[in-house]
C-alpha atoms as a PDB file:
ATOM      1  CA  MET A   1      -4.429  28.147   0.597  1.00  0.00           C
ATOM      2  CA  LYS A   2      -2.835  27.675  -2.798  1.00  0.00           C
ATOM      3  CA  ASP A   3      -4.599  25.373  -5.205  1.00  0.00           C
ATOM      4  CA  LEU A   4      -2.969  21.968  -4.746  1.00  0.00           C
ATOM      5  CA  ASP A   5      -4.386  20.847  -8.088  1.00  0.00           C
ATOM      6  CA  ALA A   6      -2.024  23.231  -9.860  1.00  0.00           C
ATOM      7  CA  VAL A   7       1.154  22.371  -7.919  1.00  0.00           C
ATOM      8  CA  VAL A   8       3.728  19.944  -9.333  1.00  0.00           C
ATOM      9  CA  LEU A   9       6.525  18.623  -7.115  1.00  0.00           C
ATOM     10  CA  ASN A  10      10.172  18.326  -8.086  1.00  0.00           C
ATOM     11  CA  PHE A  11      11.218  14.716  -8.604  1.00  0.00           C
ATOM     12  CA  SER A  12      13.904  13.622 -11.055  1.00  0.00           C
ATOM     13  CA  ALA A  13      13.796  10.602 -13.334  1.00  0.00           C
ATOM     14  CA  SER A  14      16.866   9.175 -11.602  1.00  0.00           C
ATOM     15  CA  SER A  15      15.157   9.504  -8.210  1.00  0.00           C
ATOM     16  CA  LEU A  16      12.131   7.652  -9.559  1.00  0.00           C
ATOM     17  CA  LEU A  17      14.348   4.871 -10.884  1.00  0.00           C
ATOM     18  CA  LEU A  18      16.072   4.611  -7.509  1.00  0.00           C
ATOM     19  CA  MET A  19      12.719   4.374  -5.726  1.00  0.00           C
ATOM     20  CA  ASN A  20      11.677   1.554  -8.082  1.00  0.00           C
ATOM     21  CA  ALA A  21      14.876  -0.319  -7.238  1.00  0.00           C
ATOM     22  CA  ILE A  22      14.408   0.162  -3.491  1.00  0.00           C
ATOM     23  CA  LEU A  23      10.817  -1.103  -3.629  1.00  0.00           C
ATOM     24  CA  ALA A  24      12.012  -4.129  -5.604  1.00  0.00           C
ATOM     25  CA  ILE A  25      14.527  -4.929  -2.866  1.00  0.00           C
ATOM     26  CA  VAL A  26      11.854  -4.512  -0.180  1.00  0.00           C
ATOM     27  CA  MET A  27       9.528  -6.884  -2.061  1.00  0.00           C
ATOM     28  CA  PHE A  28      12.325  -9.427  -2.563  1.00  0.00           C
ATOM     29  CA  SER A  29      13.069  -9.444   1.167  1.00  0.00           C
ATOM     30  CA  ILE A  30       9.386  -9.995   1.990  1.00  0.00           C
ATOM     31  CA  ALA A  31       9.140 -12.836  -0.553  1.00  0.00           C
ATOM     32  CA  LEU A  32      11.902 -14.691   1.287  1.00  0.00           C
ATOM     33  CA  ASP A  33       9.208 -15.601   3.839  1.00  0.00           C
ATOM     34  CA  LEU A  34       7.101 -17.354   1.181  1.00  0.00           C
ATOM     35  CA  LYS A  35       7.113 -20.920  -0.087  1.00  0.00           C
ATOM     36  CA  THR A  36       4.997 -22.447  -2.828  1.00  0.00           C
ATOM     37  CA  SER A  37       3.376 -24.637  -0.170  1.00  0.00           C
ATOM     38  CA  ASP A  38       1.917 -21.480   1.419  1.00  0.00           C
ATOM     39  CA  PHE A  39      -0.095 -20.833  -1.733  1.00  0.00           C
ATOM     40  CA  HIS A  40      -1.256 -24.443  -1.965  1.00  0.00           C
ATOM     41  CA  ARG A  41      -2.459 -24.386   1.637  1.00  0.00           C
ATOM     42  CA  LEU A  42      -4.322 -21.122   1.183  1.00  0.00           C
ATOM     43  CA  LEU A  43      -5.931 -22.300  -2.056  1.00  0.00           C
ATOM     44  CA  ARG A  44      -7.336 -25.273  -0.142  1.00  0.00           C
ATOM     45  CA  ALA A  45      -8.837 -22.871   2.423  1.00  0.00           C
ATOM     46  CA  PRO A  46      -9.353 -19.655   0.427  1.00  0.00           C
ATOM     47  CA  LYS A  47     -11.893 -17.854   2.640  1.00  0.00           C
ATOM     48  CA  PRO A  48      -9.392 -15.640   4.543  1.00  0.00           C
ATOM     49  CA  VAL A  49      -7.539 -14.702   1.348  1.00  0.00           C
ATOM     50  CA  LEU A  50     -10.742 -13.891  -0.547  1.00  0.00           C
ATOM     51  CA  THR A  51     -12.013 -11.837   2.387  1.00  0.00           C
ATOM     52  CA  GLY A  52      -8.777  -9.859   2.483  1.00  0.00           C
ATOM     53  CA  LEU A  53      -8.772  -9.226  -1.261  1.00  0.00           C
ATOM     54  CA  ILE A  54     -12.415  -8.112  -1.236  1.00  0.00           C
ATOM     55  CA  ALA A  55     -11.697  -5.706   1.623  1.00  0.00           C
ATOM     56  CA  GLN A  56      -8.585  -4.448  -0.158  1.00  0.00           C
ATOM     57  CA  PHE A  57      -9.775  -3.989  -3.729  1.00  0.00           C
ATOM     58  CA  LEU A  58     -13.568  -3.616  -3.518  1.00  0.00           C
ATOM     59  CA  LEU A  59     -14.680  -2.328  -0.132  1.00  0.00           C
ATOM     60  CA  LEU A  60     -11.871   0.131   0.609  1.00  0.00           C
ATOM     61  CA  PRO A  61     -12.005   1.982  -2.753  1.00  0.00           C
ATOM     62  CA  GLY A  62     -15.803   2.167  -2.543  1.00  0.00           C
ATOM     63  CA  LEU A  63     -15.788   3.496   1.027  1.00  0.00           C
ATOM     64  CA  THR A  64     -13.004   5.908   0.076  1.00  0.00           C
ATOM     65  CA  TYR A  65     -15.256   7.326  -2.618  1.00  0.00           C
ATOM     66  CA  LEU A  66     -18.066   7.801  -0.067  1.00  0.00           C
ATOM     67  CA  LEU A  67     -15.607   9.540   2.268  1.00  0.00           C
ATOM     68  CA  ILE A  68     -14.608  11.878  -0.568  1.00  0.00           C
ATOM     69  CA  LEU A  69     -18.248  12.672  -1.332  1.00  0.00           C
ATOM     70  CA  ALA A  70     -18.814  13.515   2.331  1.00  0.00           C
ATOM     71  CA  LEU A  71     -15.718  15.730   2.761  1.00  0.00           C
ATOM     72  CA  GLN A  72     -15.399  17.203  -0.784  1.00  0.00           C
ATOM     73  CA  PRO A  73     -11.589  17.666  -0.835  1.00  0.00           C
ATOM     74  CA  GLN A  74      -9.704  19.272  -3.719  1.00  0.00           C
ATOM     75  CA  ALA A  75      -9.463  17.087  -6.799  1.00  0.00           C
ATOM     76  CA  SER A  76      -5.787  16.158  -6.465  1.00  0.00           C
ATOM     77  CA  ILE A  77      -6.237  15.222  -2.807  1.00  0.00           C
ATOM     78  CA  ALA A  78      -9.264  13.092  -3.681  1.00  0.00           C
ATOM     79  CA  LEU A  79      -7.276  11.331  -6.403  1.00  0.00           C
ATOM     80  CA  GLY A  80      -4.459  10.762  -3.929  1.00  0.00           C
ATOM     81  CA  LEU A  81      -6.846   9.037  -1.518  1.00  0.00           C
ATOM     82  CA  ILE A  82      -8.314   6.955  -4.338  1.00  0.00           C
ATOM     83  CA  LEU A  83      -4.884   5.975  -5.633  1.00  0.00           C
ATOM     84  CA  VAL A  84      -3.642   4.903  -2.198  1.00  0.00           C
ATOM     85  CA  ALA A  85      -6.820   2.882  -1.652  1.00  0.00           C
ATOM     86  CA  ALA A  86      -6.296   1.219  -5.048  1.00  0.00           C
ATOM     87  CA  CYS A  87      -2.732   0.103  -4.216  1.00  0.00           C
ATOM     88  CA  PRO A  88      -1.993  -3.371  -2.803  1.00  0.00           C
ATOM     89  CA  GLY A  89      -1.064  -3.886   0.829  1.00  0.00           C
ATOM     90  CA  GLY A  90       2.169  -2.352   2.060  1.00  0.00           C
ATOM     91  CA  ASN A  91       5.267  -4.421   2.670  1.00  0.00           C
ATOM     92  CA  ILE A  92       5.561  -3.504   6.352  1.00  0.00           C
ATOM     93  CA  SER A  93       2.117  -5.020   6.967  1.00  0.00           C
ATOM     94  CA  ASN A  94       3.767  -8.430   7.340  1.00  0.00           C
ATOM     95  CA  PHE A  95       6.104  -7.185  10.068  1.00  0.00           C
ATOM     96  CA  ILE A  96       3.285  -5.341  11.878  1.00  0.00           C
ATOM     97  CA  THR A  97       0.973  -8.384  11.693  1.00  0.00           C
ATOM     98  CA  HIS A  98       3.693 -10.476  13.315  1.00  0.00           C
ATOM     99  CA  ARG A  99       4.070  -7.862  16.075  1.00  0.00           C
ATOM    100  CA  ALA A 100       0.290  -7.885  16.573  1.00  0.00           C
ATOM    101  CA  GLY A 101       0.190 -11.648  17.093  1.00  0.00           C
ATOM    102  CA  GLY A 102      -1.814 -12.180  13.900  1.00  0.00           C
ATOM    103  CA  ASN A 103      -1.500 -14.668  11.067  1.00  0.00           C
ATOM    104  CA  ALA A 104       1.765 -13.494   9.478  1.00  0.00           C
ATOM    105  CA  ALA A 105       1.656 -16.226   6.819  1.00  0.00           C
ATOM    106  CA  LEU A 106      -1.781 -14.992   5.729  1.00  0.00           C
ATOM    107  CA  SER A 107      -0.484 -11.408   5.673  1.00  0.00           C
ATOM    108  CA  VAL A 108       2.498 -12.313   3.482  1.00  0.00           C
ATOM    109  CA  SER A 109       0.284 -14.311   1.137  1.00  0.00           C
ATOM    110  CA  LEU A 110      -2.263 -11.482   0.902  1.00  0.00           C
ATOM    111  CA  THR A 111       0.548  -9.069   0.024  1.00  0.00           C
ATOM    112  CA  ALA A 112       1.649 -11.460  -2.718  1.00  0.00           C
ATOM    113  CA  PHE A 113      -1.834 -12.058  -4.159  1.00  0.00           C
ATOM    114  CA  ALA A 114      -2.751  -8.357  -3.959  1.00  0.00           C
ATOM    115  CA  THR A 115       0.508  -7.386  -5.642  1.00  0.00           C
ATOM    116  CA  VAL A 116      -0.219  -9.698  -8.552  1.00  0.00           C
ATOM    117  CA  GLY A 117      -3.816  -8.464  -8.765  1.00  0.00           C
ATOM    118  CA  ALA A 118      -2.662  -4.839  -8.692  1.00  0.00           C
ATOM    119  CA  ILE A 119      -1.408  -5.129 -12.267  1.00  0.00           C
ATOM    120  CA  VAL A 120      -5.003  -4.994 -13.489  1.00  0.00           C
ATOM    121  CA  ILE A 121      -7.118  -3.869 -10.539  1.00  0.00           C
ATOM    122  CA  THR A 122      -5.147  -0.807  -9.423  1.00  0.00           C
ATOM    123  CA  PRO A 123      -5.453   1.197 -12.690  1.00  0.00           C
ATOM    124  CA  LEU A 124      -9.092   0.126 -13.062  1.00  0.00           C
ATOM    125  CA  ASN A 125      -9.956   1.324  -9.547  1.00  0.00           C
ATOM    126  CA  ILE A 126      -8.187   4.660 -10.071  1.00  0.00           C
ATOM    127  CA  ALA A 127      -9.987   5.287 -13.357  1.00  0.00           C
ATOM    128  CA  PHE A 128     -13.413   4.071 -12.181  1.00  0.00           C
ATOM    129  CA  TRP A 129     -13.666   5.840  -8.816  1.00  0.00           C
ATOM    130  CA  GLY A 130     -11.772   8.929  -9.970  1.00  0.00           C
ATOM    131  CA  GLN A 131     -14.184   9.515 -12.844  1.00  0.00           C
ATOM    132  CA  LEU A 132     -17.143   9.410 -10.455  1.00  0.00           C
ATOM    133  CA  TYR A 133     -15.854  12.439  -8.531  1.00  0.00           C
ATOM    134  CA  ALA A 134     -16.618  15.419 -10.768  1.00  0.00           C
ATOM    135  CA  PRO A 135     -13.720  17.709  -9.656  1.00  0.00           C
ATOM    136  CA  ALA A 136     -11.217  14.931 -10.464  1.00  0.00           C
ATOM    137  CA  GLN A 137     -12.540  14.245 -13.965  1.00  0.00           C
ATOM    138  CA  ALA A 138     -10.598  17.145 -15.504  1.00  0.00           C
ATOM    139  CA  ILE A 139      -7.321  15.808 -14.099  1.00  0.00           C
ATOM    140  CA  LEU A 140      -7.984  12.272 -15.295  1.00  0.00           C
ATOM    141  CA  GLN A 141      -8.865  13.586 -18.754  1.00  0.00           C
ATOM    142  CA  ARG A 142      -5.413  15.184 -18.962  1.00  0.00           C
ATOM    143  CA  VAL A 143      -3.715  11.995 -17.803  1.00  0.00           C
ATOM    144  CA  HIS A 144      -3.626   8.761 -19.760  1.00  0.00           C
ATOM    145  CA  ILE A 145      -3.234   5.823 -17.394  1.00  0.00           C
ATOM    146  CA  ASP A 146      -2.011   3.029 -19.632  1.00  0.00           C
ATOM    147  CA  PRO A 147      -2.825  -0.313 -17.925  1.00  0.00           C
ATOM    148  CA  VAL A 148       0.022  -1.939 -19.867  1.00  0.00           C
ATOM    149  CA  GLN A 149       2.537   0.592 -18.558  1.00  0.00           C
ATOM    150  CA  VAL A 150       1.211   0.208 -15.018  1.00  0.00           C
ATOM    151  CA  GLY A 151       1.438  -3.567 -15.430  1.00  0.00           C
ATOM    152  CA  VAL A 152       5.056  -3.359 -16.581  1.00  0.00           C
ATOM    153  CA  THR A 153       5.934  -1.004 -13.722  1.00  0.00           C
ATOM    154  CA  VAL A 154       4.307  -3.226 -11.103  1.00  0.00           C
ATOM    155  CA  SER A 155       5.776  -6.394 -12.636  1.00  0.00           C
ATOM    156  CA  LEU A 156       9.370  -5.151 -12.657  1.00  0.00           C
ATOM    157  CA  MET A 157       9.118  -3.484  -9.282  1.00  0.00           C
ATOM    158  CA  LEU A 158       7.042  -6.031  -7.362  1.00  0.00           C
ATOM    159  CA  ILE A 159       6.180  -9.243  -9.235  1.00  0.00           C
ATOM    160  CA  LEU A 160       9.685 -10.144 -10.458  1.00  0.00           C
ATOM    161  CA  PRO A 161      11.293  -9.665  -7.005  1.00  0.00           C
ATOM    162  CA  LEU A 162       8.412 -11.651  -5.489  1.00  0.00           C
ATOM    163  CA  VAL A 163       9.043 -14.608  -7.802  1.00  0.00           C
ATOM    164  CA  LEU A 164      12.824 -14.453  -7.282  1.00  0.00           C
ATOM    165  CA  GLY A 165      12.396 -14.386  -3.503  1.00  0.00           C
ATOM    166  CA  ILE A 166      10.086 -17.406  -3.525  1.00  0.00           C
ATOM    167  CA  VAL A 167      12.465 -19.328  -5.816  1.00  0.00           C
ATOM    168  CA  LEU A 168      15.449 -18.596  -3.558  1.00  0.00           C
ATOM    169  CA  ASN A 169      13.510 -19.589  -0.432  1.00  0.00           C
ATOM    170  CA  ASN A 170      12.484 -22.898  -2.020  1.00  0.00           C
ATOM    171  CA  ARG A 171      15.846 -23.795  -3.557  1.00  0.00           C
ATOM    172  CA  ARG A 172      18.279 -22.262  -1.044  1.00  0.00           C
ATOM    173  CA  PRO A 173      16.356 -22.066   2.261  1.00  0.00           C
ATOM    174  CA  VAL A 174      19.498 -21.768   4.407  1.00  0.00           C
ATOM    175  CA  LEU A 175      20.733 -18.766   2.435  1.00  0.00           C
ATOM    176  CA  ALA A 176      17.262 -17.218   2.387  1.00  0.00           C
ATOM    177  CA  ASN A 177      16.960 -17.581   6.162  1.00  0.00           C
ATOM    178  CA  ARG A 178      20.383 -16.020   6.659  1.00  0.00           C
ATOM    179  CA  VAL A 179      19.708 -12.864   4.632  1.00  0.00           C
ATOM    180  CA  ARG A 180      15.971 -12.450   5.273  1.00  0.00           C
ATOM    181  CA  HIS A 181      15.850 -10.307   8.403  1.00  0.00           C
ATOM    182  CA  PRO A 182      18.957  -8.170   7.757  1.00  0.00           C
ATOM    183  CA  LEU A 183      17.721  -7.436   4.242  1.00  0.00           C
ATOM    184  CA  GLN A 184      14.194  -6.618   5.420  1.00  0.00           C
ATOM    185  CA  ASN A 185      15.430  -4.208   8.092  1.00  0.00           C
ATOM    186  CA  LEU A 186      18.005  -2.573   5.819  1.00  0.00           C
ATOM    187  CA  SER A 187      15.641  -2.169   2.864  1.00  0.00           C
ATOM    188  CA  MET A 188      12.920  -0.546   4.991  1.00  0.00           C
ATOM    189  CA  LEU A 189      15.407   1.899   6.533  1.00  0.00           C
ATOM    190  CA  ILE A 190      16.748   2.798   3.082  1.00  0.00           C
ATOM    191  CA  PHE A 191      13.219   3.270   1.749  1.00  0.00           C
ATOM    192  CA  LEU A 192      12.157   5.563   4.605  1.00  0.00           C
ATOM    193  CA  ALA A 193      15.370   7.571   4.301  1.00  0.00           C
ATOM    194  CA  PHE A 194      14.863   7.928   0.562  1.00  0.00           C
ATOM    195  CA  VAL A 195      11.283   9.174   0.959  1.00  0.00           C
ATOM    196  CA  VAL A 196      12.474  11.833   3.414  1.00  0.00           C
ATOM    197  CA  LEU A 197      15.342  12.916   1.148  1.00  0.00           C
ATOM    198  CA  ALA A 198      13.141  12.908  -1.957  1.00  0.00           C
ATOM    199  CA  LEU A 199      10.657  15.222  -0.233  1.00  0.00           C
ATOM    200  CA  ALA A 200      13.417  17.540   1.003  1.00  0.00           C
ATOM    201  CA  ALA A 201      13.360  19.487  -2.276  1.00  0.00           C
ATOM    202  CA  ASN A 202       9.679  20.225  -1.620  1.00  0.00           C
ATOM    203  CA  TRP A 203       9.876  20.458   2.166  1.00  0.00           C
ATOM    204  CA  GLY A 204       8.410  23.943   2.524  1.00  0.00           C
ATOM    205  CA  PHE A 205       5.457  23.059   0.337  1.00  0.00           C
ATOM    206  CA  PHE A 206       5.026  19.746   2.148  1.00  0.00           C
ATOM    207  CA  LEU A 207       4.873  21.394   5.573  1.00  0.00           C
ATOM    208  CA  ASP A 208       2.419  24.030   4.335  1.00  0.00           C
ATOM    209  CA  TYR A 209      -0.153  21.398   3.457  1.00  0.00           C
ATOM    210  CA  ALA A 210       0.686  18.562   5.851  1.00  0.00           C
ATOM    211  CA  GLN A 211      -1.703  19.770   8.562  1.00  0.00           C
ATOM    212  CA  TYR A 212      -4.675  20.025   6.202  1.00  0.00           C
ATOM    213  CA  VAL A 213      -4.035  16.807   4.307  1.00  0.00           C
ATOM    214  CA  GLY A 214      -2.841  14.993   7.444  1.00  0.00           C
ATOM    215  CA  ALA A 215      -6.301  15.047   9.024  1.00  0.00           C
ATOM    216  CA  LEU A 216      -7.771  13.420   5.907  1.00  0.00           C
ATOM    217  CA  VAL A 217      -5.019  10.773   5.898  1.00  0.00           C
ATOM    218  CA  VAL A 218      -5.675   9.898   9.555  1.00  0.00           C
ATOM    219  CA  VAL A 219      -9.419   9.527   8.907  1.00  0.00           C
ATOM    220  CA  HIS A 220      -8.807   7.546   5.714  1.00  0.00           C
ATOM    221  CA  ASN A 221      -6.357   5.197   7.437  1.00  0.00           C
ATOM    222  CA  ALA A 222      -8.833   4.613  10.272  1.00  0.00           C
ATOM    223  CA  LEU A 223     -11.462   3.805   7.644  1.00  0.00           C
ATOM    224  CA  ALA A 224      -9.085   1.317   5.991  1.00  0.00           C
ATOM    225  CA  LEU A 225      -8.344  -0.473   9.276  1.00  0.00           C
ATOM    226  CA  ALA A 226     -12.063  -0.575  10.130  1.00  0.00           C
ATOM    227  CA  THR A 227     -12.861  -1.938   6.659  1.00  0.00           C
ATOM    228  CA  GLY A 228     -10.448  -4.832   7.084  1.00  0.00           C
ATOM    229  CA  TYR A 229     -11.698  -5.643  10.561  1.00  0.00           C
ATOM    230  CA  GLY A 230     -15.348  -5.371   9.574  1.00  0.00           C
ATOM    231  CA  ALA A 231     -14.950  -7.595   6.516  1.00  0.00           C
ATOM    232  CA  ALA A 232     -13.106 -10.266   8.515  1.00  0.00           C
ATOM    233  CA  ARG A 233     -15.682 -10.078  11.294  1.00  0.00           C
ATOM    234  CA  LEU A 234     -18.602 -10.448   8.869  1.00  0.00           C
ATOM    235  CA  ALA A 235     -16.841 -13.416   7.257  1.00  0.00           C
ATOM    236  CA  GLY A 236     -16.697 -15.122  10.663  1.00  0.00           C
ATOM    237  CA  LEU A 237     -12.902 -15.446  10.685  1.00  0.00           C
ATOM    238  CA  SER A 238     -10.867 -16.109  13.805  1.00  0.00           C
ATOM    239  CA  SER A 239      -9.200 -13.246  15.645  1.00  0.00           C
ATOM    240  CA  TYR A 240      -5.856 -14.650  14.420  1.00  0.00           C
ATOM    241  CA  ASP A 241      -6.927 -14.060  10.806  1.00  0.00           C
ATOM    242  CA  ARG A 242      -8.839 -10.842  11.611  1.00  0.00           C
ATOM    243  CA  ARG A 243      -5.674  -9.192  12.843  1.00  0.00           C
ATOM    244  CA  ALA A 244      -3.890 -10.001   9.604  1.00  0.00           C
ATOM    245  CA  ILE A 245      -6.704  -8.737   7.364  1.00  0.00           C
ATOM    246  CA  THR A 246      -7.233  -5.588   9.457  1.00  0.00           C
ATOM    247  CA  ILE A 247      -3.565  -4.634   9.194  1.00  0.00           C
ATOM    248  CA  GLU A 248      -3.212  -5.719   5.562  1.00  0.00           C
ATOM    249  CA  THR A 249      -6.125  -3.466   4.583  1.00  0.00           C
ATOM    250  CA  GLY A 250      -4.916  -0.555   6.708  1.00  0.00           C
ATOM    251  CA  ILE A 251      -1.287  -0.649   5.524  1.00  0.00           C
ATOM    252  CA  GLN A 252      -1.114   0.453   1.895  1.00  0.00           C
ATOM    253  CA  ASN A 253       1.851   0.391  -0.481  1.00  0.00           C
ATOM    254  CA  SER A 254       2.268   4.168  -0.547  1.00  0.00           C
ATOM    255  CA  GLY A 255       5.699   3.715  -2.117  1.00  0.00           C
ATOM    256  CA  LEU A 256       4.040   2.240  -5.190  1.00  0.00           C
ATOM    257  CA  GLY A 257       1.563   5.110  -4.989  1.00  0.00           C
ATOM    258  CA  LEU A 258       4.386   7.660  -5.169  1.00  0.00           C
ATOM    259  CA  VAL A 259       5.925   5.847  -8.129  1.00  0.00           C
ATOM    260  CA  LEU A 260       2.599   5.971  -9.992  1.00  0.00           C
ATOM    261  CA  ILE A 261       2.052   9.623  -9.062  1.00  0.00           C
ATOM    262  CA  PHE A 262       5.423  10.731 -10.386  1.00  0.00           C
ATOM    263  CA  GLY A 263       5.354   8.331 -13.308  1.00  0.00           C
ATOM    264  CA  PHE A 264       1.814   8.947 -14.579  1.00  0.00           C
ATOM    265  CA  PHE A 265       0.549  12.139 -12.862  1.00  0.00           C
ATOM    266  CA  ASN A 266       3.753  14.228 -13.195  1.00  0.00           C
ATOM    267  CA  GLY A 267       4.140  14.645  -9.435  1.00  0.00           C
ATOM    268  CA  LEU A 268       0.760  16.311  -8.837  1.00  0.00           C
ATOM    269  CA  GLY A 269       1.055  18.084  -5.478  1.00  0.00           C
ATOM    270  CA  GLY A 270      -2.065  16.967  -3.640  1.00  0.00           C
ATOM    271  CA  MET A 271      -1.629  13.333  -4.650  1.00  0.00           C
ATOM    272  CA  ALA A 272       2.036  13.269  -3.630  1.00  0.00           C
ATOM    273  CA  VAL A 273       1.381  14.815  -0.222  1.00  0.00           C
ATOM    274  CA  VAL A 274      -1.382  12.269   0.470  1.00  0.00           C
ATOM    275  CA  ALA A 275       0.831   9.313  -0.485  1.00  0.00           C
ATOM    276  CA  ALA A 276       3.825  10.645   1.472  1.00  0.00           C
ATOM    277  CA  LEU A 277       1.775  11.252   4.619  1.00  0.00           C
ATOM    278  CA  TRP A 278       0.194   7.815   4.256  1.00  0.00           C
ATOM    279  CA  GLY A 279       3.696   6.332   4.146  1.00  0.00           C
ATOM    280  CA  ILE A 280       4.470   7.915   7.501  1.00  0.00           C
ATOM    281  CA  TRP A 281       1.136   7.647   9.292  1.00  0.00           C
ATOM    282  CA  HIS A 282       0.190   4.043   8.445  1.00  0.00           C
ATOM    283  CA  ALA A 283       3.451   2.840  10.024  1.00  0.00           C
ATOM    284  CA  VAL A 284       2.689   4.820  13.203  1.00  0.00           C
ATOM    285  CA  SER A 285      -0.942   3.728  13.439  1.00  0.00           C
ATOM    286  CA  GLY A 286      -0.119   0.125  12.549  1.00  0.00           C
ATOM    287  CA  LEU A 287       2.607  -0.200  15.181  1.00  0.00           C
ATOM    288  CA  CYS A 288       0.406   1.438  17.831  1.00  0.00           C
ATOM    289  CA  LEU A 289      -2.473  -0.892  16.971  1.00  0.00           C
ATOM    290  CA  ALA A 290      -0.144  -3.908  17.057  1.00  0.00           C
ATOM    291  CA  HIS A 291       1.166  -2.918  20.474  1.00  0.00           C
ATOM    292  CA  PHE A 292      -2.382  -2.548  21.803  1.00  0.00           C
ATOM    293  CA  ILE A 293      -3.914  -5.781  20.468  1.00  0.00           C
ATOM    294  CA  SER A 294      -0.850  -7.934  21.124  1.00  0.00           C
ATOM    295  CA  ARG A 295      -1.625  -7.705  24.851  1.00  0.00           C
ATOM    296  CA  THR A 296      -4.193 -10.437  24.311  1.00  0.00           C
ATOM    297  CA  GLU A 297      -3.481 -13.701  22.515  1.00  0.00           C
ATOM    298  CA  ALA A 298      -5.378 -14.216  19.266  1.00  0.00           C
ATOM    299  CA  GLN A 299      -7.694 -17.207  19.013  1.00  0.00           C
ATOM    300  CA  LEU A 300      -6.936 -19.567  16.125  1.00  0.00           C
END
């Protein structure tokens, strides 16, 4: 098998800009479910939010590192797993939590808080855990991850749309309610279509490595879901909140991961394949899990 650490995928600057815009639209549509009162309520009872953030930004990256030590993948694949684990929760987690009968308001709020925290925590997690894995050190030494640049990227792509969505929902709730679901459905379809089209230029390469990397992605996603569930269980949260935290931890913003990979790692092959497969698999696993657990009603 060809060395994935030496492969760079084709991805134009205009395609990257388009992906940024699509993710901004997705985030804006999700933010239309949020009101400032949601944050006030959660700040008065912060335990579920803190549990979710700890699972997301501390436990999952640490357990990902242990998984990498156990399996010893190629450096670019390891960095791809670390980067995905360092990203905030994915936007479709809110939809899947609702389907699972979990606390959708908690899920949306966790997405918002994690997105804000990602400005600082995501680059720190990538640098910290990546440096600990010896094969990945050489790659990180060639790449300068500027926290300011990451912060600007995340702010324009995620934070600004989040704020605009909340403002619209608070000031024009009728309009927000009218456009919310059509915009959410349309933006997710556009995003998935774009990912497929963007990978088309590298389709042969992608298929060559999908089977090998796919097994790692499935195991890593299962670890992420188990991390969220375990953290919520240890915190003594209700099953209503556990479902939200499990899904929020197991559904990662792989779209943001792809943007960072092509923006800061020059489209490194192993990392891109990991993030792309995550984008497909976490939706499948999340929907299957939601279908299974929704058969029983969650206890508040």
